[in-house]
PDB file of N, CA and C in Angstrom:
ATOM      1  N   UNK A   1     171.293 152.736 122.445  1.00  0.00           N
ATOM      2  CA  UNK A   1     170.998 151.395 121.997  1.00  0.00           C
ATOM      3  C   UNK A   1     169.896 150.811 122.891  1.00  0.00           C
ATOM      4  N   UNK A   2     168.865 150.257 122.260  1.00  0.00           N
ATOM      5  CA  UNK A   2     167.736 149.700 123.002  1.00  0.00           C
ATOM      6  C   UNK A   2     168.130 148.366 123.617  1.00  0.00           C
ATOM      7  N   UNK A   3     167.651 148.152 124.826  1.00  0.00           N
ATOM      8  CA  UNK A   3     167.943 146.905 125.522  1.00  0.00           C
ATOM      9  C   UNK A   3     166.791 145.930 125.302  1.00  0.00           C
ATOM     10  N   UNK A   4     167.071 144.679 124.982  1.00  0.00           N
ATOM     11  CA  UNK A   4     166.077 143.654 124.698  1.00  0.00           C
ATOM     12  C   UNK A   4     165.733 142.924 125.990  1.00  0.00           C
ATOM     13  N   UNK A   5     164.481 142.983 126.408  1.00  0.00           N
ATOM     14  CA  UNK A   5     164.043 142.342 127.643  1.00  0.00           C
ATOM     15  C   UNK A   5     163.550 140.935 127.308  1.00  0.00           C
ATOM     16  N   UNK A   6     164.367 139.932 127.581  1.00  0.00           N
ATOM     17  CA  UNK A   6     164.026 138.553 127.207  1.00  0.00           C
ATOM     18  C   UNK A   6     162.843 138.020 127.990  1.00  0.00           C
ATOM     19  N   UNK A   7     162.645 138.430 129.231  1.00  0.00           N
ATOM     20  CA  UNK A   7     161.509 137.911 130.000  1.00  0.00           C
ATOM     21  C   UNK A   7     160.190 138.418 129.419  1.00  0.00           C
ATOM     22  N   UNK A   8     160.156 139.693 128.992  1.00  0.00           N
ATOM     23  CA  UNK A   8     158.942 140.223 128.364  1.00  0.00           C
ATOM     24  C   UNK A   8     158.701 139.541 127.028  1.00  0.00           C
ATOM     25  N   UNK A   9     159.760 139.291 126.276  1.00  0.00           N
ATOM     26  CA  UNK A   9     159.652 138.638 124.978  1.00  0.00           C
ATOM     27  C   UNK A   9     159.109 137.216 125.143  1.00  0.00           C
ATOM     28  N   UNK A  10     159.610 136.503 126.147  1.00  0.00           N
ATOM     29  CA  UNK A  10     159.133 135.133 126.407  1.00  0.00           C
ATOM     30  C   UNK A  10     157.650 135.137 126.781  1.00  0.00           C
ATOM     31  N   UNK A  11     157.256 136.085 127.639  1.00  0.00           N
ATOM     32  CA  UNK A  11     155.844 136.164 128.028  1.00  0.00           C
ATOM     33  C   UNK A  11     154.953 136.469 126.829  1.00  0.00           C
ATOM     34  N   UNK A  12     155.394 137.345 125.967  1.00  0.00           N
ATOM     35  CA  UNK A  12     154.620 137.669 124.772  1.00  0.00           C
ATOM     36  C   UNK A  12     154.492 136.456 123.862  1.00  0.00           C
ATOM     37  N   UNK A  13     155.582 135.719 123.693  1.00  0.00           N
ATOM     38  CA  UNK A  13     155.545 134.511 122.866  1.00  0.00           C
ATOM     39  C   UNK A  13     154.627 133.460 123.475  1.00  0.00           C
ATOM     40  N   UNK A  14     154.706 133.276 124.795  1.00  0.00           N
ATOM     41  CA  UNK A  14     153.827 132.299 125.456  1.00  0.00           C
ATOM     42  C   UNK A  14     152.361 132.693 125.306  1.00  0.00           C
ATOM     43  N   UNK A  15     152.071 133.978 125.472  1.00  0.00           N
ATOM     44  CA  UNK A  15     150.693 134.447 125.304  1.00  0.00           C
ATOM     45  C   UNK A  15     150.182 134.230 123.896  1.00  0.00           C
ATOM     46  N   UNK A  16     151.019 134.515 122.911  1.00  0.00           N
ATOM     47  CA  UNK A  16     150.642 134.307 121.511  1.00  0.00           C
ATOM     48  C   UNK A  16     150.422 132.833 121.225  1.00  0.00           C
ATOM     49  N   UNK A  17     151.322 131.976 121.730  1.00  0.00           N
ATOM     50  CA  UNK A  17     151.186 130.535 121.518  1.00  0.00           C
ATOM     51  C   UNK A  17     149.920 130.001 122.172  1.00  0.00           C
ATOM     52  N   UNK A  18     149.602 130.475 123.372  1.00  0.00           N
ATOM     53  CA  UNK A  18     148.391 130.022 124.059  1.00  0.00           C
ATOM     54  C   UNK A  18     147.142 130.447 123.300  1.00  0.00           C
ATOM     55  N   UNK A  19     147.122 131.687 122.829  1.00  0.00           N
ATOM     56  CA  UNK A  19     145.967 132.173 122.066  1.00  0.00           C
ATOM     57  C   UNK A  19     145.790 131.380 120.780  1.00  0.00           C
ATOM     58  N   UNK A  20     146.885 131.074 120.111  1.00  0.00           N
ATOM     59  CA  UNK A  20     146.822 130.288 118.880  1.00  0.00           C
ATOM     60  C   UNK A  20     146.312 128.882 119.165  1.00  0.00           C
ATOM     61  N   UNK A  21     146.798 128.263 120.222  1.00  0.00           N
ATOM     62  CA  UNK A  21     146.352 126.912 120.570  1.00  0.00           C
ATOM     63  C   UNK A  21     144.864 126.890 120.882  1.00  0.00           C
ATOM     64  N   UNK A  22     144.382 127.889 121.608  1.00  0.00           N
ATOM     65  CA  UNK A  22     142.956 127.953 121.938  1.00  0.00           C
ATOM     66  C   UNK A  22     142.129 128.154 120.682  1.00  0.00           C
ATOM     67  N   UNK A  23     142.546 129.039 119.800  1.00  0.00           N
ATOM     68  CA  UNK A  23     141.770 129.295 118.588  1.00  0.00           C
ATOM     69  C   UNK A  23     141.769 128.090 117.666  1.00  0.00           C
ATOM     70  N   UNK A  24     142.876 127.369 117.573  1.00  0.00           N
ATOM     71  CA  UNK A  24     142.904 126.173 116.733  1.00  0.00           C
ATOM     72  C   UNK A  24     142.010 125.089 117.297  1.00  0.00           C
ATOM     73  N   UNK A  25     141.992 124.941 118.606  1.00  0.00           N
ATOM     74  CA  UNK A  25     141.119 123.955 119.233  1.00  0.00           C
ATOM     75  C   UNK A  25     139.668 124.304 118.965  1.00  0.00           C
ATOM     76  N   UNK A  26     139.312 125.562 119.100  1.00  0.00           N
ATOM     77  CA  UNK A  26     137.932 125.985 118.871  1.00  0.00           C
ATOM     78  C   UNK A  26     137.518 125.785 117.427  1.00  0.00           C
ATOM     79  N   UNK A  27     138.433 125.962 116.489  1.00  0.00           N
ATOM     80  CA  UNK A  27     138.108 125.837 115.071  1.00  0.00           C
ATOM     81  C   UNK A  27     137.969 124.394 114.627  1.00  0.00           C
ATOM     82  N   UNK A  28     138.617 123.475 115.313  1.00  0.00           N
ATOM     83  CA  UNK A  28     138.613 122.093 114.853  1.00  0.00           C
ATOM     84  C   UNK A  28     137.738 121.186 115.703  1.00  0.00           C
ATOM     85  N   UNK A  29     137.128 121.723 116.748  1.00  0.00           N
ATOM     86  CA  UNK A  29     136.313 120.902 117.616  1.00  0.00           C
ATOM     87  C   UNK A  29     135.008 120.546 116.927  1.00  0.00           C
ATOM     88  N   UNK A  30     134.688 119.259 116.891  1.00  0.00           N
ATOM     89  CA  UNK A  30     133.458 118.768 116.272  1.00  0.00           C
ATOM     90  C   UNK A  30     132.525 118.233 117.342  1.00  0.00           C
ATOM     91  N   UNK A  31     131.234 118.277 117.060  1.00  0.00           N
ATOM     92  CA  UNK A  31     130.260 117.656 117.938  1.00  0.00           C
ATOM     93  C   UNK A  31     130.304 116.160 117.687  1.00  0.00           C
ATOM     94  N   UNK A  32     130.563 115.358 118.716  1.00  0.00           N
ATOM     95  CA  UNK A  32     130.654 113.923 118.507  1.00  0.00           C
ATOM     96  C   UNK A  32     129.355 113.343 117.965  1.00  0.00           C
ATOM     97  N   UNK A  33     129.478 112.331 117.116  1.00  0.00           N
ATOM     98  CA  UNK A  33     128.310 111.668 116.536  1.00  0.00           C
ATOM     99  C   UNK A  33     127.410 111.103 117.629  1.00  0.00           C
ATOM    100  N   UNK A  34     127.995 110.658 118.741  1.00  0.00           N
ATOM    101  CA  UNK A  34     127.210 110.083 119.829  1.00  0.00           C
ATOM    102  C   UNK A  34     126.238 111.106 120.406  1.00  0.00           C
ATOM    103  N   UNK A  35     126.537 112.398 120.291  1.00  0.00           N
ATOM    104  CA  UNK A  35     125.664 113.437 120.814  1.00  0.00           C
ATOM    105  C   UNK A  35     124.533 113.788 119.858  1.00  0.00           C
ATOM    106  N   UNK A  36     124.540 113.209 118.666  1.00  0.00           N
ATOM    107  CA  UNK A  36     123.494 113.508 117.689  1.00  0.00           C
ATOM    108  C   UNK A  36     122.178 112.899 118.168  1.00  0.00           C
ATOM    109  N   UNK A  37     121.157 113.735 118.396  1.00  0.00           N
ATOM    110  CA  UNK A  37     119.870 113.194 118.829  1.00  0.00           C
ATOM    111  C   UNK A  37     119.185 112.440 117.682  1.00  0.00           C
ATOM    112  N   UNK A  38     118.347 111.513 118.041  1.00  0.00           N
ATOM    113  CA  UNK A  38     117.607 110.753 117.030  1.00  0.00           C
ATOM    114  C   UNK A  38     116.128 110.777 117.388  1.00  0.00           C
ATOM    115  N   UNK A  39     115.305 110.480 116.413  1.00  0.00           N
ATOM    116  CA  UNK A  39     113.876 110.400 116.660  1.00  0.00           C
ATOM    117  C   UNK A  39     113.090 111.241 115.682  1.00  0.00           C
ATOM    118  N   UNK A  40     111.771 111.109 115.730  1.00  0.00           N
ATOM    119  CA  UNK A  40     110.907 111.805 114.772  1.00  0.00           C
ATOM    120  C   UNK A  40     110.816 113.313 115.019  1.00  0.00           C
ATOM    121  N   UNK A  41     111.252 113.769 116.205  1.00  0.00           N
ATOM    122  CA  UNK A  41     111.152 115.188 116.535  1.00  0.00           C
ATOM    123  C   UNK A  41     112.509 115.894 116.417  1.00  0.00           C
ATOM    124  N   UNK A  42     113.400 115.340 115.570  1.00  0.00           N
ATOM    125  CA  UNK A  42     114.732 115.916 115.365  1.00  0.00           C
ATOM    126  C   UNK A  42     114.815 116.458 113.946  1.00  0.00           C
ATOM    127  N   UNK A  43     115.249 117.713 113.831  1.00  0.00           N
ATOM    128  CA  UNK A  43     115.446 118.352 112.533  1.00  0.00           C
ATOM    129  C   UNK A  43     116.943 118.574 112.370  1.00  0.00           C
ATOM    130  N   UNK A  44     117.516 118.033 111.316  1.00  0.00           N
ATOM    131  CA  UNK A  44     118.932 118.228 111.034  1.00  0.00           C
ATOM    132  C   UNK A  44     119.107 119.498 110.208  1.00  0.00           C
ATOM    133  N   UNK A  45     120.060 120.322 110.609  1.00  0.00           N
ATOM    134  CA  UNK A  45     120.372 121.549 109.883  1.00  0.00           C
ATOM    135  C   UNK A  45     121.712 121.300 109.194  1.00  0.00           C
ATOM    136  N   UNK A  46     121.650 120.994 107.898  1.00  0.00           N
ATOM    137  CA  UNK A  46     122.849 120.661 107.117  1.00  0.00           C
ATOM    138  C   UNK A  46     122.564 120.897 105.647  1.00  0.00           C
ATOM    139  N   UNK A  47     123.628 121.107 104.889  1.00  0.00           N
ATOM    140  CA  UNK A  47     123.508 121.301 103.437  1.00  0.00           C
ATOM    141  C   UNK A  47     122.517 122.415 103.102  1.00  0.00           C
ATOM    142  N   UNK A  48     122.553 123.483 103.884  1.00  0.00           N
ATOM    143  CA  UNK A  48     121.702 124.664 103.651  1.00  0.00           C
ATOM    144  C   UNK A  48     120.209 124.336 103.679  1.00  0.00           C
ATOM    145  N   UNK A  49     119.814 123.387 104.560  1.00  0.00           N
ATOM    146  CA  UNK A  49     118.401 123.011 104.643  1.00  0.00           C
ATOM    147  C   UNK A  49     118.065 122.473 106.033  1.00  0.00           C
ATOM    148  N   UNK A  50     116.784 122.550 106.378  1.00  0.00           N
ATOM    149  CA  UNK A  50     116.244 121.878 107.547  1.00  0.00           C
ATOM    150  C   UNK A  50     115.655 120.560 107.051  1.00  0.00           C
ATOM    151  N   UNK A  51     116.029 119.457 107.696  1.00  0.00           N
ATOM    152  CA  UNK A  51     115.546 118.166 107.231  1.00  0.00           C
ATOM    153  C   UNK A  51     115.096 117.309 108.419  1.00  0.00           C
ATOM    154  N   UNK A  52     113.818 116.950 108.468  1.00  0.00           N
ATOM    155  CA  UNK A  52     112.772 117.293 107.523  1.00  0.00           C
ATOM    156  C   UNK A  52     112.354 118.755 107.684  1.00  0.00           C
ATOM    157  N   UNK A  53     111.810 119.299 106.622  1.00  0.00           N
ATOM    158  CA  UNK A  53     111.372 120.694 106.629  1.00  0.00           C
ATOM    159  C   UNK A  53     110.069 120.871 107.406  1.00  0.00           C
ATOM    160  N   UNK A  54     109.325 119.787 107.584  1.00  0.00           N
ATOM    161  CA  UNK A  54     108.055 119.834 108.307  1.00  0.00           C
ATOM    162  C   UNK A  54     108.030 118.711 109.346  1.00  0.00           C
ATOM    163  N   UNK A  55     107.661 119.073 110.571  1.00  0.00           N
ATOM    164  CA  UNK A  55     107.557 118.101 111.665  1.00  0.00           C
ATOM    165  C   UNK A  55     106.180 118.261 112.284  1.00  0.00           C
ATOM    166  N   UNK A  56     105.485 117.153 112.497  1.00  0.00           N
ATOM    167  CA  UNK A  56     104.182 117.176 113.161  1.00  0.00           C
ATOM    168  C   UNK A  56     104.326 116.488 114.510  1.00  0.00           C
ATOM    169  N   UNK A  57     103.911 117.214 115.567  1.00  0.00           N
ATOM    170  CA  UNK A  57     104.067 116.710 116.928  1.00  0.00           C
ATOM    171  C   UNK A  57     102.775 116.927 117.710  1.00  0.00           C
ATOM    172  N   UNK A  58     102.752 116.411 118.922  1.00  0.00           N
ATOM    173  CA  UNK A  58     101.623 116.617 119.838  1.00  0.00           C
ATOM    174  C   UNK A  58     101.961 117.731 120.816  1.00  0.00           C
ATOM    175  N   UNK A  59     100.927 118.390 121.380  1.00  0.00           N
ATOM    176  CA  UNK A  59     101.203 119.411 122.389  1.00  0.00           C
ATOM    177  C   UNK A  59     102.050 118.841 123.526  1.00  0.00           C
ATOM    178  N   UNK A  60     103.044 119.629 123.953  1.00  0.00           N
ATOM    179  CA  UNK A  60     103.947 119.193 125.016  1.00  0.00           C
ATOM    180  C   UNK A  60     105.209 118.512 124.516  1.00  0.00           C
ATOM    181  N   UNK A  61     105.267 118.204 123.220  1.00  0.00           N
ATOM    182  CA  UNK A  61     106.465 117.570 122.651  1.00  0.00           C
ATOM    183  C   UNK A  61     107.557 118.615 122.415  1.00  0.00           C
ATOM    184  N   UNK A  62     108.784 118.131 122.347  1.00  0.00           N
ATOM    185  CA  UNK A  62     109.945 118.987 122.124  1.00  0.00           C
ATOM    186  C   UNK A  62     110.587 118.643 120.792  1.00  0.00           C
ATOM    187  N   UNK A  63     110.906 119.666 120.016  1.00  0.00           N
ATOM    188  CA  UNK A  63     111.636 119.494 118.761  1.00  0.00           C
ATOM    189  C   UNK A  63     113.081 119.919 119.009  1.00  0.00           C
ATOM    190  N   UNK A  64     114.014 119.130 118.481  1.00  0.00           N
ATOM    191  CA  UNK A  64     115.435 119.456 118.601  1.00  0.00           C
ATOM    192  C   UNK A  64     116.011 119.655 117.207  1.00  0.00           C
ATOM    193  N   UNK A  65     116.684 120.787 117.016  1.00  0.00           N
ATOM    194  CA  UNK A  65     117.397 121.069 115.767  1.00  0.00           C
ATOM    195  C   UNK A  65     118.856 120.739 116.005  1.00  0.00           C
ATOM    196  N   UNK A  66     119.400 119.846 115.176  1.00  0.00           N
ATOM    197  CA  UNK A  66     120.799 119.442 115.285  1.00  0.00           C
ATOM    198  C   UNK A  66     121.578 120.118 114.159  1.00  0.00           C
ATOM    199  N   UNK A  67     122.468 121.029 114.508  1.00  0.00           N
ATOM    200  CA  UNK A  67     123.238 121.809 113.537  1.00  0.00           C
ATOM    201  C   UNK A  67     124.508 121.061 113.165  1.00  0.00           C
ATOM    202  N   UNK A  68     124.662 120.780 111.879  1.00  0.00           N
ATOM    203  CA  UNK A  68     125.825 120.032 111.394  1.00  0.00           C
ATOM    204  C   UNK A  68     126.072 120.407 109.936  1.00  0.00           C
ATOM    205  N   UNK A  69     126.473 121.668 109.692  1.00  0.00           N
ATOM    206  CA  UNK A  69     126.600 122.142 108.314  1.00  0.00           C
ATOM    207  C   UNK A  69     128.022 122.585 107.972  1.00  0.00           C
ATOM    208  N   UNK A  70     128.999 121.765 108.313  1.00  0.00           N
ATOM    209  CA  UNK A  70     130.391 121.967 107.905  1.00  0.00           C
ATOM    210  C   UNK A  70     130.866 123.392 108.147  1.00  0.00           C
ATOM    211  N   UNK A  71     130.622 123.865 109.347  1.00  0.00           N
ATOM    212  CA  UNK A  71     131.102 125.172 109.803  1.00  0.00           C
ATOM    213  C   UNK A  71     130.334 126.369 109.257  1.00  0.00           C
ATOM    214  N   UNK A  72     129.195 126.140 108.598  1.00  0.00           N
ATOM    215  CA  UNK A  72     128.367 127.258 108.166  1.00  0.00           C
ATOM    216  C   UNK A  72     127.292 127.466 109.225  1.00  0.00           C
ATOM    217  N   UNK A  73     127.279 128.625 109.824  1.00  0.00           N
ATOM    218  CA  UNK A  73     126.349 128.893 110.912  1.00  0.00           C
ATOM    219  C   UNK A  73     124.942 129.187 110.394  1.00  0.00           C
ATOM    220  N   UNK A  74     123.964 128.725 111.141  1.00  0.00           N
ATOM    221  CA  UNK A  74     122.545 128.943 110.859  1.00  0.00           C
ATOM    222  C   UNK A  74     121.841 129.235 112.185  1.00  0.00           C
ATOM    223  N   UNK A  75     120.581 129.582 112.093  1.00  0.00           N
ATOM    224  CA  UNK A  75     119.759 129.712 113.288  1.00  0.00           C
ATOM    225  C   UNK A  75     118.335 129.291 112.965  1.00  0.00           C
ATOM    226  N   UNK A  76     117.500 129.287 113.982  1.00  0.00           N
ATOM    227  CA  UNK A  76     116.076 128.972 113.852  1.00  0.00           C
ATOM    228  C   UNK A  76     115.333 130.153 114.451  1.00  0.00           C
ATOM    229  N   UNK A  77     114.622 130.903 113.607  1.00  0.00           N
ATOM    230  CA  UNK A  77     113.902 132.090 114.067  1.00  0.00           C
ATOM    231  C   UNK A  77     112.450 131.987 113.606  1.00  0.00           C
ATOM    232  N   UNK A  78     111.551 132.108 114.558  1.00  0.00           N
ATOM    233  CA  UNK A  78     110.134 131.981 114.268  1.00  0.00           C
ATOM    234  C   UNK A  78     109.566 133.146 113.485  1.00  0.00           C
ATOM    235  N   UNK A  79     108.544 132.840 112.700  1.00  0.00           N
ATOM    236  CA  UNK A  79     107.821 133.829 111.906  1.00  0.00           C
ATOM    237  C   UNK A  79     106.420 133.959 112.506  1.00  0.00           C
ATOM    238  N   UNK A  80     105.890 135.165 112.527  1.00  0.00           N
ATOM    239  CA  UNK A  80     104.534 135.458 113.011  1.00  0.00           C
ATOM    240  C   UNK A  80     104.306 134.896 114.413  1.00  0.00           C
ATOM    241  N   UNK A  81     103.383 133.934 114.567  1.00  0.00           N
ATOM    242  CA  UNK A  81     103.047 133.422 115.896  1.00  0.00           C
ATOM    243  C   UNK A  81     104.206 132.679 116.553  1.00  0.00           C
ATOM    244  N   UNK A  82     105.228 132.308 115.799  1.00  0.00           N
ATOM    245  CA  UNK A  82     106.384 131.594 116.355  1.00  0.00           C
ATOM    246  C   UNK A  82     107.525 132.544 116.711  1.00  0.00           C
ATOM    247  N   UNK A  83     107.369 133.831 116.422  1.00  0.00           N
ATOM    248  CA  UNK A  83     108.481 134.774 116.612  1.00  0.00           C
ATOM    249  C   UNK A  83     108.907 134.911 118.074  1.00  0.00           C
ATOM    250  N   UNK A  84     107.985 134.784 119.008  1.00  0.00           N
ATOM    251  CA  UNK A  84     108.368 134.888 120.423  1.00  0.00           C
ATOM    252  C   UNK A  84     108.828 133.545 120.989  1.00  0.00           C
ATOM    253  N   UNK A  85     108.570 132.471 120.268  1.00  0.00           N
ATOM    254  CA  UNK A  85     108.890 131.123 120.754  1.00  0.00           C
ATOM    255  C   UNK A  85     110.221 130.604 120.227  1.00  0.00           C
ATOM    256  N   UNK A  86     110.517 130.870 118.962  1.00  0.00           N
ATOM    257  CA  UNK A  86     111.709 130.302 118.324  1.00  0.00           C
ATOM    258  C   UNK A  86     112.751 131.381 118.052  1.00  0.00           C
ATOM    259  N   UNK A  87     113.876 131.256 118.715  1.00  0.00           N
ATOM    260  CA  UNK A  87     114.985 132.176 118.465  1.00  0.00           C
ATOM    261  C   UNK A  87     116.264 131.517 118.960  1.00  0.00           C
ATOM    262  N   UNK A  88     116.856 130.678 118.110  1.00  0.00           N
ATOM    263  CA  UNK A  88     118.084 129.972 118.487  1.00  0.00           C
ATOM    264  C   UNK A  88     119.290 130.874 118.265  1.00  0.00           C
ATOM    265  N   UNK A  89     120.407 130.516 118.876  1.00  0.00           N
ATOM    266  CA  UNK A  89     121.643 131.235 118.556  1.00  0.00           C
ATOM    267  C   UNK A  89     122.108 130.878 117.147  1.00  0.00           C
ATOM    268  N   UNK A  90     122.994 131.679 116.593  1.00  0.00           N
ATOM    269  CA  UNK A  90     123.614 131.409 115.293  1.00  0.00           C
ATOM    270  C   UNK A  90     124.767 130.435 115.550  1.00  0.00           C
ATOM    271  N   UNK A  91     124.616 129.175 115.106  1.00  0.00           N
ATOM    272  CA  UNK A  91     125.648 128.165 115.364  1.00  0.00           C
ATOM    273  C   UNK A  91     125.861 127.272 114.150  1.00  0.00           C
ATOM    274  N   UNK A  92     127.043 126.676 114.065  1.00  0.00           N
ATOM    275  CA  UNK A  92     127.366 125.742 112.987  1.00  0.00           C
ATOM    276  C   UNK A  92     127.269 124.298 113.464  1.00  0.00           C
ATOM    277  N   UNK A  93     127.534 124.081 114.740  1.00  0.00           N
ATOM    278  CA  UNK A  93     127.480 122.730 115.297  1.00  0.00           C
ATOM    279  C   UNK A  93     126.886 122.804 116.694  1.00  0.00           C
ATOM    280  N   UNK A  94     126.071 121.827 117.005  1.00  0.00           N
ATOM    281  CA  UNK A  94     125.418 121.784 118.306  1.00  0.00           C
ATOM    282  C   UNK A  94     123.927 121.575 118.129  1.00  0.00           C
ATOM    283  N   UNK A  95     123.159 121.940 119.127  1.00  0.00           N
ATOM    284  CA  UNK A  95     121.718 121.735 119.015  1.00  0.00           C
ATOM    285  C   UNK A  95     120.938 122.796 119.783  1.00  0.00           C
ATOM    286  N   UNK A  96     119.675 122.897 119.407  1.00  0.00           N
ATOM    287  CA  UNK A  96     118.715 123.812 120.010  1.00  0.00           C
ATOM    288  C   UNK A  96     117.400 123.066 120.121  1.00  0.00           C
ATOM    289  N   UNK A  97     116.723 123.172 121.266  1.00  0.00           N
ATOM    290  CA  UNK A  97     115.449 122.482 121.474  1.00  0.00           C
ATOM    291  C   UNK A  97     114.386 123.454 121.937  1.00  0.00           C
ATOM    292  N   UNK A  98     113.156 123.151 121.557  1.00  0.00           N
ATOM    293  CA  UNK A  98     112.017 123.971 121.976  1.00  0.00           C
ATOM    294  C   UNK A  98     110.810 123.075 122.203  1.00  0.00           C
ATOM    295  N   UNK A  99     110.118 123.273 123.307  1.00  0.00           N
ATOM    296  CA  UNK A  99     108.892 122.545 123.615  1.00  0.00           C
ATOM    297  C   UNK A  99     107.706 123.378 123.127  1.00  0.00           C
ATOM    298  N   UNK A 100     106.755 122.713 122.509  1.00  0.00           N
ATOM    299  CA  UNK A 100     105.555 123.360 121.959  1.00  0.00           C
ATOM    300  C   UNK A 100     104.345 122.882 122.751  1.00  0.00           C
ATOM    301  N   UNK A 101     103.760 123.785 123.514  1.00  0.00           N
ATOM    302  CA  UNK A 101     102.621 123.421 124.362  1.00  0.00           C
ATOM    303  C   UNK A 101     101.276 123.602 123.683  1.00  0.00           C
ATOM    304  N   UNK A 102     101.169 124.581 122.785  1.00  0.00           N
ATOM    305  CA  UNK A 102      99.876 124.922 122.188  1.00  0.00           C
ATOM    306  C   UNK A 102      99.766 124.436 120.748  1.00  0.00           C
ATOM    307  N   UNK A 103      98.588 123.888 120.375  1.00  0.00           N
ATOM    308  CA  UNK A 103      98.380 123.491 118.976  1.00  0.00           C
ATOM    309  C   UNK A 103      98.533 124.697 118.049  1.00  0.00           C
ATOM    310  N   UNK A 104      99.015 124.430 116.855  1.00  0.00           N
ATOM    311  CA  UNK A 104      99.169 125.493 115.867  1.00  0.00           C
ATOM    312  C   UNK A 104     100.235 125.141 114.850  1.00  0.00           C
ATOM    313  N   UNK A 105     100.433 126.051 113.932  1.00  0.00           N
ATOM    314  CA  UNK A 105     101.458 125.904 112.891  1.00  0.00           C
ATOM    315  C   UNK A 105     102.518 126.966 113.155  1.00  0.00           C
ATOM    316  N   UNK A 106     103.760 126.522 113.313  1.00  0.00           N
ATOM    317  CA  UNK A 106     104.861 127.398 113.677  1.00  0.00           C
ATOM    318  C   UNK A 106     105.906 127.396 112.559  1.00  0.00           C
ATOM    319  N   UNK A 107     105.918 128.459 111.777  1.00  0.00           N
ATOM    320  CA  UNK A 107     106.878 128.588 110.676  1.00  0.00           C
ATOM    321  C   UNK A 107     108.162 129.238 111.177  1.00  0.00           C
ATOM    322  N   UNK A 108     109.289 128.857 110.570  1.00  0.00           N
ATOM    323  CA  UNK A 108     110.569 129.440 110.948  1.00  0.00           C
ATOM    324  C   UNK A 108     111.506 129.484 109.746  1.00  0.00           C
ATOM    325  N   UNK A 109     112.606 130.222 109.905  1.00  0.00           N
ATOM    326  CA  UNK A 109     113.597 130.346 108.846  1.00  0.00           C
ATOM    327  C   UNK A 109     114.953 130.667 109.456  1.00  0.00           C
ATOM    328  N   UNK A 110     115.983 130.684 108.619  1.00  0.00           N
ATOM    329  CA  UNK A 110     117.333 131.086 109.006  1.00  0.00           C
ATOM    330  C   UNK A 110     117.512 132.537 108.579  1.00  0.00           C
ATOM    331  N   UNK A 111     117.890 133.411 109.508  1.00  0.00           N
ATOM    332  CA  UNK A 111     117.987 134.829 109.179  1.00  0.00           C
ATOM    333  C   UNK A 111     119.106 135.137 108.179  1.00  0.00           C
ATOM    334  N   UNK A 112     120.128 134.310 108.141  1.00  0.00           N
ATOM    335  CA  UNK A 112     121.235 134.531 107.202  1.00  0.00           C
ATOM    336  C   UNK A 112     120.920 133.938 105.834  1.00  0.00           C
ATOM    337  N   UNK A 113     120.120 132.880 105.817  1.00  0.00           N
ATOM    338  CA  UNK A 113     119.756 132.185 104.575  1.00  0.00           C
ATOM    339  C   UNK A 113     118.235 132.082 104.516  1.00  0.00           C
ATOM    340  N   UNK A 114     117.535 133.154 104.136  1.00  0.00           N
ATOM    341  CA  UNK A 114     116.074 133.186 104.217  1.00  0.00           C
ATOM    342  C   UNK A 114     115.363 132.149 103.340  1.00  0.00           C
ATOM    343  N   UNK A 115     116.097 131.528 102.421  1.00  0.00           N
ATOM    344  CA  UNK A 115     115.489 130.459 101.627  1.00  0.00           C
ATOM    345  C   UNK A 115     115.387 129.160 102.431  1.00  0.00           C
ATOM    346  N   UNK A 116     116.066 129.097 103.567  1.00  0.00           N
ATOM    347  CA  UNK A 116     115.944 127.938 104.462  1.00  0.00           C
ATOM    348  C   UNK A 116     114.706 128.156 105.331  1.00  0.00           C
ATOM    349  N   UNK A 117     113.680 127.340 105.119  1.00  0.00           N
ATOM    350  CA  UNK A 117     112.452 127.474 105.890  1.00  0.00           C
ATOM    351  C   UNK A 117     112.009 126.119 106.416  1.00  0.00           C
ATOM    352  N   UNK A 118     111.226 126.164 107.472  1.00  0.00           N
ATOM    353  CA  UNK A 118     110.681 124.943 108.053  1.00  0.00           C
ATOM    354  C   UNK A 118     109.399 125.253 108.792  1.00  0.00           C
ATOM    355  N   UNK A 119     108.737 124.191 109.237  1.00  0.00           N
ATOM    356  CA  UNK A 119     107.476 124.356 109.967  1.00  0.00           C
ATOM    357  C   UNK A 119     107.327 123.232 110.981  1.00  0.00           C
ATOM    358  N   UNK A 120     106.797 123.617 112.138  1.00  0.00           N
ATOM    359  CA  UNK A 120     106.419 122.646 113.169  1.00  0.00           C
ATOM    360  C   UNK A 120     104.905 122.745 113.284  1.00  0.00           C
ATOM    361  N   UNK A 121     104.228 121.600 113.126  1.00  0.00           N
ATOM    362  CA  UNK A 121     102.767 121.544 113.221  1.00  0.00           C
ATOM    363  C   UNK A 121     102.450 120.801 114.517  1.00  0.00           C
ATOM    364  N   UNK A 122     101.713 121.461 115.392  1.00  0.00           N
ATOM    365  CA  UNK A 122     101.345 120.876 116.681  1.00  0.00           C
ATOM    366  C   UNK A 122      99.846 120.610 116.658  1.00  0.00           C
ATOM    367  N   UNK A 123      99.471 119.317 116.766  1.00  0.00           N
ATOM    368  CA  UNK A 123      98.046 118.960 116.814  1.00  0.00           C
ATOM    369  C   UNK A 123      97.770 117.893 117.819  1.00  0.00           C
TER     370      UNK A 123
END
């Protein structure tokens, strides 16, 4: 007859409960509205789009992408001349910023949703 070790069983239950609590917290955590950046150099990533899709800035300015798409992850990846400059993580909530020092046109897209495109124009 197998002997039931209650101390091991309790530890296993506590470990499972802790893991569940951590995963639930991670799944329900939202970026507070107060952390949402504002201004003409902010691109909102929501509803499967970058808004505005085009931003015009001066050299040395920083663009911030604010991700807020109801748990659907996106990224910002540069095309052609922007490929070495723009490469955000894949995220659903949070933000990514990039400073543009040189004049030019910097196109980007979401690697998971290639129909999502945007451009930063630096002049």
